[in-house]
Amino acid sequence: MGSLLQRKALFPEERVRQKLLREMINEKGYCSSHILVERGLNQLPHLAMRASLPDRRFDLLAYENKSLNPLLLVECKACKLSERVLEQVLGYNHFVGAPFFALSNSKQVITFWQEKGELKYLQKLPSYDELITLKNSISKKTHFSC
């Protein structure tokens, strides 16, 4: 855990990232060893076999504790959250494949997911357990709905 939080927050975006990491680990139950920070898409194990990936770097990616599948992709910004920032994280998630993605700045976190073709959101960062419960709920609705 220490290595994730030891980086100096020299830039405003880095301060946002560090604050969110502390919240995820210390308050929301995310396992520090299952969070990647500022990595290129080509560094993700589940994308290793992809022939061509864009040269893009994401801010945070949390994995599920048991399956080690991507769970939550986060884009941190020092500026106001906008449609453009949402499009950016959607572009990254096209390759990552996390069921949840979030936008964060110094004032807010918005967590999104797709459900029955519709974009849903919460005006907060759910705890790890809340996301797993929500993921399971969505999976049941998708697999068993008539």
Protein backbone atom coordinates (compact mmCIF):
# COMPACT_ATOMS: atom_id res chain seq x y z
CA MET A 1 0.00 0.00 0.00
CA GLY A 2 2.77 2.42 0.84
CA SER A 3 4.16 2.63 -2.69
CA LEU A 4 0.82 3.75 -4.10
CA LEU A 5 0.55 6.61 -1.65
CA GLN A 6 4.18 7.71 -1.39
CA ARG A 7 4.33 9.66 -4.63
CA LYS A 8 4.61 13.40 -4.20
CA ALA A 9 1.51 15.22 -5.36
CA LEU A 10 3.27 17.91 -7.38
CA PHE A 11 0.51 18.54 -9.89
CA PRO A 12 -3.19 19.21 -9.21
CA GLU A 13 -4.28 16.02 -11.01
CA GLU A 14 -1.84 13.97 -8.94
CA ARG A 15 -3.33 15.45 -5.75
CA VAL A 16 -6.79 14.33 -6.93
CA ARG A 17 -5.45 10.85 -7.66
CA GLN A 18 -3.70 10.55 -4.28
CA LYS A 19 -6.77 11.74 -2.37
CA LEU A 20 -8.98 9.23 -4.18
CA LEU A 21 -6.48 6.40 -3.62
CA ARG A 22 -6.41 7.12 0.11
CA GLU A 23 -10.21 7.07 0.20
CA MET A 24 -10.41 3.84 -1.81
CA ILE A 25 -7.92 2.01 0.41
CA ASN A 26 -8.54 3.51 3.85
CA GLU A 27 -12.30 4.08 3.75
CA LYS A 28 -13.88 2.11 0.90
CA GLY A 29 -12.31 -1.35 1.27
CA TYR A 30 -10.34 -1.57 -1.99
CA CYS A 31 -7.26 -3.78 -1.75
CA SER A 32 -4.14 -1.71 -2.48
CA SER A 33 -2.42 -4.66 -4.17
CA HIS A 34 -5.29 -4.83 -6.69
CA ILE A 35 -5.06 -1.22 -7.88
CA LEU A 36 -2.92 -0.11 -10.80
CA VAL A 37 -1.88 3.54 -11.02
CA GLU A 38 -0.99 5.41 -14.22
CA ARG A 39 -0.39 2.51 -16.56
CA GLY A 40 -0.49 2.15 -20.29
CA LEU A 41 -3.14 -0.06 -21.86
CA ASN A 42 -0.31 -2.21 -23.24
CA GLN A 43 0.78 -2.99 -19.64
CA LEU A 44 -2.47 -4.74 -18.69
CA PRO A 45 -2.15 -8.52 -18.42
CA HIS A 46 -5.58 -9.23 -19.88
CA LEU A 47 -4.69 -7.15 -22.98
CA ALA A 48 -1.25 -8.68 -23.55
CA MET A 49 -2.36 -10.67 -26.59
CA ARG A 50 -4.00 -7.70 -28.37
CA ALA A 51 -2.08 -6.87 -31.53
CA SER A 52 -2.57 -3.12 -31.53
CA LEU A 53 -3.54 -0.91 -28.64
CA PRO A 54 -3.60 2.87 -28.61
CA ASP A 55 -0.80 4.56 -26.69
CA ARG A 56 -3.01 5.66 -23.79
CA ARG A 57 -2.50 5.78 -20.03
CA PHE A 58 -5.28 5.54 -17.47
CA ASP A 59 -5.19 6.94 -13.93
CA LEU A 60 -6.53 4.11 -11.75
CA LEU A 61 -7.78 0.59 -12.32
CA ALA A 62 -9.13 -1.53 -9.46
CA TYR A 63 -9.43 -5.28 -9.92
CA GLU A 64 -11.83 -7.69 -8.26
CA ASN A 65 -10.16 -9.40 -5.31
CA LYS A 66 -11.14 -12.98 -6.20
CA SER A 67 -11.17 -13.12 -10.00
CA LEU A 68 -8.65 -10.34 -10.69
CA ASN A 69 -10.91 -9.07 -13.47
CA PRO A 70 -11.06 -5.30 -14.04
CA LEU A 71 -13.74 -3.78 -11.81
CA LEU A 72 -13.42 0.01 -11.76
CA LEU A 73 -11.55 2.31 -14.15
CA VAL A 74 -11.05 5.88 -12.88
CA GLU A 75 -10.05 9.05 -14.69
CA CYS A 76 -8.85 11.86 -12.39
CA LYS A 77 -8.92 15.49 -13.43
CA ALA A 78 -7.90 18.75 -11.81
CA CYS A 79 -10.55 20.56 -13.84
CA LYS A 80 -14.33 20.43 -14.06
CA LEU A 81 -15.77 17.06 -15.08
CA SER A 82 -17.33 17.22 -18.52
CA GLU A 83 -18.75 15.20 -21.38
CA ARG A 84 -15.27 15.22 -22.93
CA VAL A 85 -13.77 13.58 -19.81
CA LEU A 86 -16.55 10.98 -19.87
CA GLU A 87 -15.76 10.25 -23.52
CA GLN A 88 -12.09 9.85 -22.58
CA VAL A 89 -12.78 7.22 -19.91
CA LEU A 90 -15.28 5.47 -22.21
CA GLY A 91 -12.54 5.26 -24.84
CA TYR A 92 -10.13 3.69 -22.36
CA ASN A 93 -12.79 1.33 -21.07
CA HIS A 94 -13.51 0.11 -24.59
CA PHE A 95 -10.22 -1.76 -24.23
CA VAL A 96 -10.08 -2.33 -20.45
CA GLY A 97 -13.60 -3.77 -20.13
CA ALA A 98 -14.32 -2.76 -16.53
CA PRO A 99 -18.02 -2.96 -15.59
CA PHE A 100 -17.70 0.37 -13.72
CA PHE A 101 -15.87 3.57 -14.58
CA ALA A 102 -15.60 6.80 -12.69
CA LEU A 103 -14.63 10.44 -13.09
CA SER A 104 -13.04 12.28 -10.21
CA ASN A 105 -11.84 15.77 -9.43
CA SER A 106 -11.18 17.59 -6.16
CA LYS A 107 -14.90 18.18 -5.57
CA GLN A 108 -16.73 15.08 -6.77
CA VAL A 109 -16.65 11.49 -7.95
CA ILE A 110 -19.22 10.14 -10.41
CA THR A 111 -19.36 6.38 -10.95
CA PHE A 112 -20.98 5.00 -14.12
CA TRP A 113 -22.06 1.64 -15.50
CA GLN A 114 -24.17 0.29 -18.35
CA GLU A 115 -27.41 -1.46 -17.52
CA LYS A 116 -29.74 -2.73 -20.25
CA GLY A 117 -28.08 -0.39 -22.74
CA GLU A 118 -28.55 2.66 -20.54
CA LEU A 119 -25.80 4.65 -18.82
CA LYS A 120 -26.45 4.77 -15.07
CA TYR A 121 -24.50 6.70 -12.45
CA LEU A 122 -24.01 7.49 -8.79
CA GLN A 123 -22.70 10.80 -7.46
CA LYS A 124 -20.14 9.05 -5.27
CA LEU A 125 -17.45 6.43 -5.14
CA PRO A 126 -19.11 3.23 -3.89
CA SER A 127 -17.21 1.00 -1.51
CA TYR A 128 -15.64 -2.15 -2.92
CA ASP A 129 -18.42 -4.27 -1.40
CA GLU A 130 -21.13 -1.97 -2.83
CA LEU A 131 -19.65 -2.34 -6.33
CA ILE A 132 -19.49 -6.12 -6.06
CA THR A 133 -23.11 -6.21 -4.87
CA LEU A 134 -24.19 -3.90 -7.70
CA LYS A 135 -22.25 -5.96 -10.26
CA ASN A 136 -23.92 -9.16 -9.06
CA SER A 137 -27.33 -7.48 -9.12
CA ILE A 138 -26.82 -6.29 -12.69
CA SER A 139 -25.61 -9.75 -13.75
CA LYS A 140 -28.73 -11.40 -12.30
CA LYS A 141 -31.01 -8.91 -14.05
CA THR A 142 -29.20 -9.43 -17.35
CA HIS A 143 -29.19 -13.22 -17.19
CA PHE A 144 -32.64 -13.87 -15.77
CA SER A 145 -34.84 -11.11 -17.14
CA CYS A 146 -37.67 -12.02 -19.52
